[in-house]
Amino acid sequence: MTLAEFESWSLTLGLGGLMFYMFFIIYDLAKQSNAGKYGYIALFLVLGLGMAGFILSW
């Protein structure tokens, strides 16, 4: 495995793990604020679109 391959895998796994953790944070935020069904949808839509924009620009 070359250094470039290692860096590529590390970046992919690191950012993937970070985004998974961010989704967990959004879920926990919605749960702690007692948001209803529409609150969950709004939080995931608004905060998740930032990550989706980053993924699409990558």
PDB file of N, CA and C in Angstrom:
ATOM      1  N   MET A   1       0.852  -1.167   0.000  1.00  0.00           N
ATOM      2  CA  MET A   1       0.000   0.000   0.000  1.00  0.00           C
ATOM      3  C   MET A   1       0.905   1.239   0.000  1.00  0.00           C
ATOM      4  N   THR A   2       0.654   2.094  -0.955  1.00  0.00           N
ATOM      5  CA  THR A   2       1.451   3.309  -1.035  1.00  0.00           C
ATOM      6  C   THR A   2       0.909   4.355  -0.073  1.00  0.00           C
ATOM      7  N   LEU A   3       1.680   5.396   0.107  1.00  0.00           N
ATOM      8  CA  LEU A   3       1.281   6.476   1.001  1.00  0.00           C
ATOM      9  C   LEU A   3       0.015   7.169   0.484  1.00  0.00           C
ATOM     10  N   ALA A   4      -0.090   7.340  -0.824  1.00  0.00           N
ATOM     11  CA  ALA A   4      -1.266   7.989  -1.407  1.00  0.00           C
ATOM     12  C   ALA A   4      -2.525   7.154  -1.173  1.00  0.00           C
ATOM     13  N   GLU A   5      -2.414   5.834  -1.302  1.00  0.00           N
ATOM     14  CA  GLU A   5      -3.567   4.967  -1.040  1.00  0.00           C
ATOM     15  C   GLU A   5      -3.967   5.025   0.423  1.00  0.00           C
ATOM     16  N   PHE A   6      -2.984   5.018   1.319  1.00  0.00           N
ATOM     17  CA  PHE A   6      -3.269   5.112   2.747  1.00  0.00           C
ATOM     18  C   PHE A   6      -3.959   6.423   3.079  1.00  0.00           C
ATOM     19  N   GLU A   7      -3.477   7.522   2.518  1.00  0.00           N
ATOM     20  CA  GLU A   7      -4.092   8.822   2.772  1.00  0.00           C
ATOM     21  C   GLU A   7      -5.515   8.875   2.235  1.00  0.00           C
ATOM     22  N   SER A   8      -5.741   8.286   1.082  1.00  0.00           N
ATOM     23  CA  SER A   8      -7.087   8.273   0.502  1.00  0.00           C
ATOM     24  C   SER A   8      -8.054   7.487   1.380  1.00  0.00           C
ATOM     25  N   TRP A   9      -7.631   6.298   1.815  1.00  0.00           N
ATOM     26  CA  TRP A   9      -8.483   5.485   2.695  1.00  0.00           C
ATOM     27  C   TRP A   9      -8.712   6.182   4.029  1.00  0.00           C
ATOM     28  N   SER A  10      -7.673   6.772   4.585  1.00  0.00           N
ATOM     29  CA  SER A  10      -7.797   7.449   5.879  1.00  0.00           C
ATOM     30  C   SER A  10      -8.757   8.621   5.793  1.00  0.00           C
ATOM     31  N   LEU A  11      -8.666   9.389   4.724  1.00  0.00           N
ATOM     32  CA  LEU A  11      -9.565  10.526   4.540  1.00  0.00           C
ATOM     33  C   LEU A  11     -11.004  10.060   4.406  1.00  0.00           C
ATOM     34  N   THR A  12     -11.224   9.032   3.611  1.00  0.00           N
ATOM     35  CA  THR A  12     -12.577   8.522   3.404  1.00  0.00           C
ATOM     36  C   THR A  12     -13.171   7.983   4.700  1.00  0.00           C
ATOM     37  N   LEU A  13     -12.414   7.158   5.406  1.00  0.00           N
ATOM     38  CA  LEU A  13     -12.917   6.576   6.654  1.00  0.00           C
ATOM     39  C   LEU A  13     -13.061   7.626   7.748  1.00  0.00           C
ATOM     40  N   GLY A  14     -12.132   8.547   7.824  1.00  0.00           N
ATOM     41  CA  GLY A  14     -12.195   9.594   8.840  1.00  0.00           C
ATOM     42  C   GLY A  14     -13.383  10.513   8.648  1.00  0.00           C
ATOM     43  N   LEU A  15     -13.588  10.977   7.422  1.00  0.00           N
ATOM     44  CA  LEU A  15     -14.736  11.847   7.160  1.00  0.00           C
ATOM     45  C   LEU A  15     -16.054  11.097   7.285  1.00  0.00           C
ATOM     46  N   GLY A  16     -16.070   9.842   6.878  1.00  0.00           N
ATOM     47  CA  GLY A  16     -17.282   9.028   7.036  1.00  0.00           C
ATOM     48  C   GLY A  16     -17.644   8.850   8.499  1.00  0.00           C
ATOM     49  N   GLY A  17     -16.643   8.569   9.323  1.00  0.00           N
ATOM     50  CA  GLY A  17     -16.885   8.436  10.761  1.00  0.00           C
ATOM     51  C   GLY A  17     -17.336   9.740  11.383  1.00  0.00           C
ATOM     52  N   LEU A  18     -16.737  10.837  10.966  1.00  0.00           N
ATOM     53  CA  LEU A  18     -17.128  12.143  11.485  1.00  0.00           C
ATOM     54  C   LEU A  18     -18.575  12.474  11.108  1.00  0.00           C
ATOM     55  N   MET A  19     -18.974  12.166   9.894  1.00  0.00           N
ATOM     56  CA  MET A  19     -20.343  12.448   9.461  1.00  0.00           C
ATOM     57  C   MET A  19     -21.339  11.553  10.196  1.00  0.00           C
ATOM     58  N   PHE A  20     -20.969  10.299  10.430  1.00  0.00           N
ATOM     59  CA  PHE A  20     -21.828   9.425  11.216  1.00  0.00           C
ATOM     60  C   PHE A  20     -22.012   9.989  12.617  1.00  0.00           C
ATOM     61  N   TYR A  21     -20.934  10.459  13.224  1.00  0.00           N
ATOM     62  CA  TYR A  21     -20.999  11.053  14.557  1.00  0.00           C
ATOM     63  C   TYR A  21     -21.853  12.322  14.553  1.00  0.00           C
ATOM     64  N   MET A  22     -21.771  13.107  13.477  1.00  0.00           N
ATOM     65  CA  MET A  22     -22.591  14.318  13.380  1.00  0.00           C
ATOM     66  C   MET A  22     -24.076  13.964  13.280  1.00  0.00           C
ATOM     67  N   PHE A  23     -24.410  12.894  12.566  1.00  0.00           N
ATOM     68  CA  PHE A  23     -25.800  12.452  12.519  1.00  0.00           C
ATOM     69  C   PHE A  23     -26.271  12.004  13.895  1.00  0.00           C
ATOM     70  N   PHE A  24     -25.386  11.345  14.650  1.00  0.00           N
ATOM     71  CA  PHE A  24     -25.736  10.968  16.013  1.00  0.00           C
ATOM     72  C   PHE A  24     -25.981  12.207  16.868  1.00  0.00           C
ATOM     73  N   ILE A  25     -25.176  13.230  16.720  1.00  0.00           N
ATOM     74  CA  ILE A  25     -25.358  14.468  17.472  1.00  0.00           C
ATOM     75  C   ILE A  25     -26.686  15.119  17.119  1.00  0.00           C
ATOM     76  N   ILE A  26     -27.049  15.140  15.844  1.00  0.00           N
ATOM     77  CA  ILE A  26     -28.330  15.717  15.429  1.00  0.00           C
ATOM     78  C   ILE A  26     -29.482  14.926  16.040  1.00  0.00           C
ATOM     79  N   TYR A  27     -29.383  13.604  16.012  1.00  0.00           N
ATOM     80  CA  TYR A  27     -30.421  12.756  16.606  1.00  0.00           C
ATOM     81  C   TYR A  27     -30.545  13.019  18.104  1.00  0.00           C
ATOM     82  N   ASP A  28     -29.411  13.091  18.795  1.00  0.00           N
ATOM     83  CA  ASP A  28     -29.428  13.325  20.232  1.00  0.00           C
ATOM     84  C   ASP A  28     -29.993  14.709  20.558  1.00  0.00           C
ATOM     85  N   LEU A  29     -29.668  15.694  19.739  1.00  0.00           N
ATOM     86  CA  LEU A  29     -30.204  17.037  19.925  1.00  0.00           C
ATOM     87  C   LEU A  29     -31.722  17.040  19.773  1.00  0.00           C
ATOM     88  N   ALA A  30     -32.233  16.339  18.791  1.00  0.00           N
ATOM     89  CA  ALA A  30     -33.678  16.272  18.578  1.00  0.00           C
ATOM     90  C   ALA A  30     -34.355  15.513  19.721  1.00  0.00           C
ATOM     91  N   LYS A  31     -33.719  14.459  20.196  1.00  0.00           N
ATOM     92  CA  LYS A  31     -34.302  13.670  21.275  1.00  0.00           C
ATOM     93  C   LYS A  31     -34.341  14.465  22.576  1.00  0.00           C
ATOM     94  N   GLN A  32     -33.272  15.177  22.883  1.00  0.00           N
ATOM     95  CA  GLN A  32     -33.218  15.937  24.127  1.00  0.00           C
ATOM     96  C   GLN A  32     -34.146  17.141  24.119  1.00  0.00           C
ATOM     97  N   SER A  33     -34.430  17.694  22.950  1.00  0.00           N
ATOM     98  CA  SER A  33     -35.313  18.852  22.871  1.00  0.00           C
ATOM     99  C   SER A  33     -36.777  18.454  22.745  1.00  0.00           C
ATOM    100  N   ASN A  34     -37.054  17.140  22.795  1.00  0.00           N
ATOM    101  CA  ASN A  34     -38.413  16.611  22.658  1.00  0.00           C
ATOM    102  C   ASN A  34     -39.097  17.106  21.385  1.00  0.00           C
ATOM    103  N   ALA A  35     -38.340  17.124  20.312  1.00  0.00           N
ATOM    104  CA  ALA A  35     -38.895  17.525  19.029  1.00  0.00           C
ATOM    105  C   ALA A  35     -39.849  16.442  18.541  1.00  0.00           C
ATOM    106  N   GLY A  36     -40.906  16.867  17.913  1.00  0.00           N
ATOM    107  CA  GLY A  36     -41.859  15.910  17.352  1.00  0.00           C
ATOM    108  C   GLY A  36     -41.347  15.359  16.037  1.00  0.00           C
ATOM    109  N   LYS A  37     -42.258  14.724  15.316  1.00  0.00           N
ATOM    110  CA  LYS A  37     -41.891  14.130  14.032  1.00  0.00           C
ATOM    111  C   LYS A  37     -41.383  15.199  13.069  1.00  0.00           C
ATOM    112  N   TYR A  38     -42.078  16.326  13.032  1.00  0.00           N
ATOM    113  CA  TYR A  38     -41.671  17.394  12.117  1.00  0.00           C
ATOM    114  C   TYR A  38     -40.384  18.067  12.599  1.00  0.00           C
ATOM    115  N   GLY A  39     -40.151  18.088  13.891  1.00  0.00           N
ATOM    116  CA  GLY A  39     -38.910  18.626  14.421  1.00  0.00           C
ATOM    117  C   GLY A  39     -37.722  17.783  14.008  1.00  0.00           C
ATOM    118  N   TYR A  40     -37.877  16.454  14.072  1.00  0.00           N
ATOM    119  CA  TYR A  40     -36.814  15.556  13.622  1.00  0.00           C
ATOM    120  C   TYR A  40     -36.517  15.781  12.148  1.00  0.00           C
ATOM    121  N   ILE A  41     -37.588  15.867  11.369  1.00  0.00           N
ATOM    122  CA  ILE A  41     -37.412  16.063   9.926  1.00  0.00           C
ATOM    123  C   ILE A  41     -36.709  17.378   9.653  1.00  0.00           C
ATOM    124  N   ALA A  42     -37.128  18.438  10.338  1.00  0.00           N
ATOM    125  CA  ALA A  42     -36.518  19.754  10.123  1.00  0.00           C
ATOM    126  C   ALA A  42     -35.048  19.751  10.518  1.00  0.00           C
ATOM    127  N   LEU A  43     -34.735  19.166  11.669  1.00  0.00           N
ATOM    128  CA  LEU A  43     -33.335  19.148  12.101  1.00  0.00           C
ATOM    129  C   LEU A  43     -32.456  18.356  11.141  1.00  0.00           C
ATOM    130  N   PHE A  44     -32.912  17.169  10.764  1.00  0.00           N
ATOM    131  CA  PHE A  44     -32.095  16.362   9.858  1.00  0.00           C
ATOM    132  C   PHE A  44     -31.996  16.996   8.479  1.00  0.00           C
ATOM    133  N   LEU A  45     -33.064  17.636   8.032  1.00  0.00           N
ATOM    134  CA  LEU A  45     -33.032  18.268   6.717  1.00  0.00           C
ATOM    135  C   LEU A  45     -32.090  19.462   6.712  1.00  0.00           C
ATOM    136  N   VAL A  46     -32.257  20.351   7.679  1.00  0.00           N
ATOM    137  CA  VAL A  46     -31.453  21.576   7.689  1.00  0.00           C
ATOM    138  C   VAL A  46     -29.995  21.283   8.009  1.00  0.00           C
ATOM    139  N   LEU A  47     -29.747  20.550   9.078  1.00  0.00           N
ATOM    140  CA  LEU A  47     -28.365  20.293   9.466  1.00  0.00           C
ATOM    141  C   LEU A  47     -27.701  19.244   8.576  1.00  0.00           C
ATOM    142  N   GLY A  48     -28.494  18.325   8.058  1.00  0.00           N
ATOM    143  CA  GLY A  48     -27.943  17.312   7.160  1.00  0.00           C
ATOM    144  C   GLY A  48     -27.617  17.850   5.777  1.00  0.00           C
ATOM    145  N   LEU A  49     -28.284  18.924   5.362  1.00  0.00           N
ATOM    146  CA  LEU A  49     -27.991  19.490   4.047  1.00  0.00           C
ATOM    147  C   LEU A  49     -26.580  20.083   3.984  1.00  0.00           C
ATOM    148  N   GLY A  50     -26.083  20.558   5.117  1.00  0.00           N
ATOM    149  CA  GLY A  50     -24.716  21.049   5.132  1.00  0.00           C
ATOM    150  C   GLY A  50     -23.723  19.944   4.806  1.00  0.00           C
ATOM    151  N   MET A  51     -23.949  18.768   5.420  1.00  0.00           N
ATOM    152  CA  MET A  51     -23.070  17.631   5.108  1.00  0.00           C
ATOM    153  C   MET A  51     -23.290  17.142   3.689  1.00  0.00           C
ATOM    154  N   ALA A  52     -24.520  17.147   3.229  1.00  0.00           N
ATOM    155  CA  ALA A  52     -24.797  16.703   1.859  1.00  0.00           C
ATOM    156  C   ALA A  52     -24.118  17.623   0.843  1.00  0.00           C
ATOM    157  N   GLY A  53     -24.132  18.915   1.126  1.00  0.00           N
ATOM    158  CA  GLY A  53     -23.443  19.866   0.240  1.00  0.00           C
ATOM    159  C   GLY A  53     -21.946  19.609   0.198  1.00  0.00           C
ATOM    160  N   PHE A  54     -21.372  19.272   1.345  1.00  0.00           N
ATOM    161  CA  PHE A  54     -19.945  18.963   1.377  1.00  0.00           C
ATOM    162  C   PHE A  54     -19.667  17.688   0.596  1.00  0.00           C
ATOM    163  N   ILE A  55     -20.512  16.682   0.772  1.00  0.00           N
ATOM    164  CA  ILE A  55     -20.302  15.418   0.047  1.00  0.00           C
ATOM    165  C   ILE A  55     -20.395  15.640  -1.461  1.00  0.00           C
ATOM    166  N   LEU A  56     -21.390  16.417  -1.887  1.00  0.00           N
ATOM    167  CA  LEU A  56     -21.562  16.643  -3.324  1.00  0.00           C
ATOM    168  C   LEU A  56     -20.424  17.472  -3.921  1.00  0.00           C
ATOM    169  N   SER A  57     -19.842  18.371  -3.125  1.00  0.00           N
ATOM    170  CA  SER A  57     -18.747  19.187  -3.660  1.00  0.00           C
ATOM    171  C   SER A  57     -17.428  18.443  -3.618  1.00  0.00           C
ATOM    172  N   TRP A  58     -17.362  17.341  -2.917  1.00  0.00           N
ATOM    173  CA  TRP A  58     -16.134  16.588  -2.771  1.00  0.00           C
ATOM    174  C   TRP A  58     -15.912  15.793  -3.997  1.00  0.00           C
TER     175      TRP A  58
END
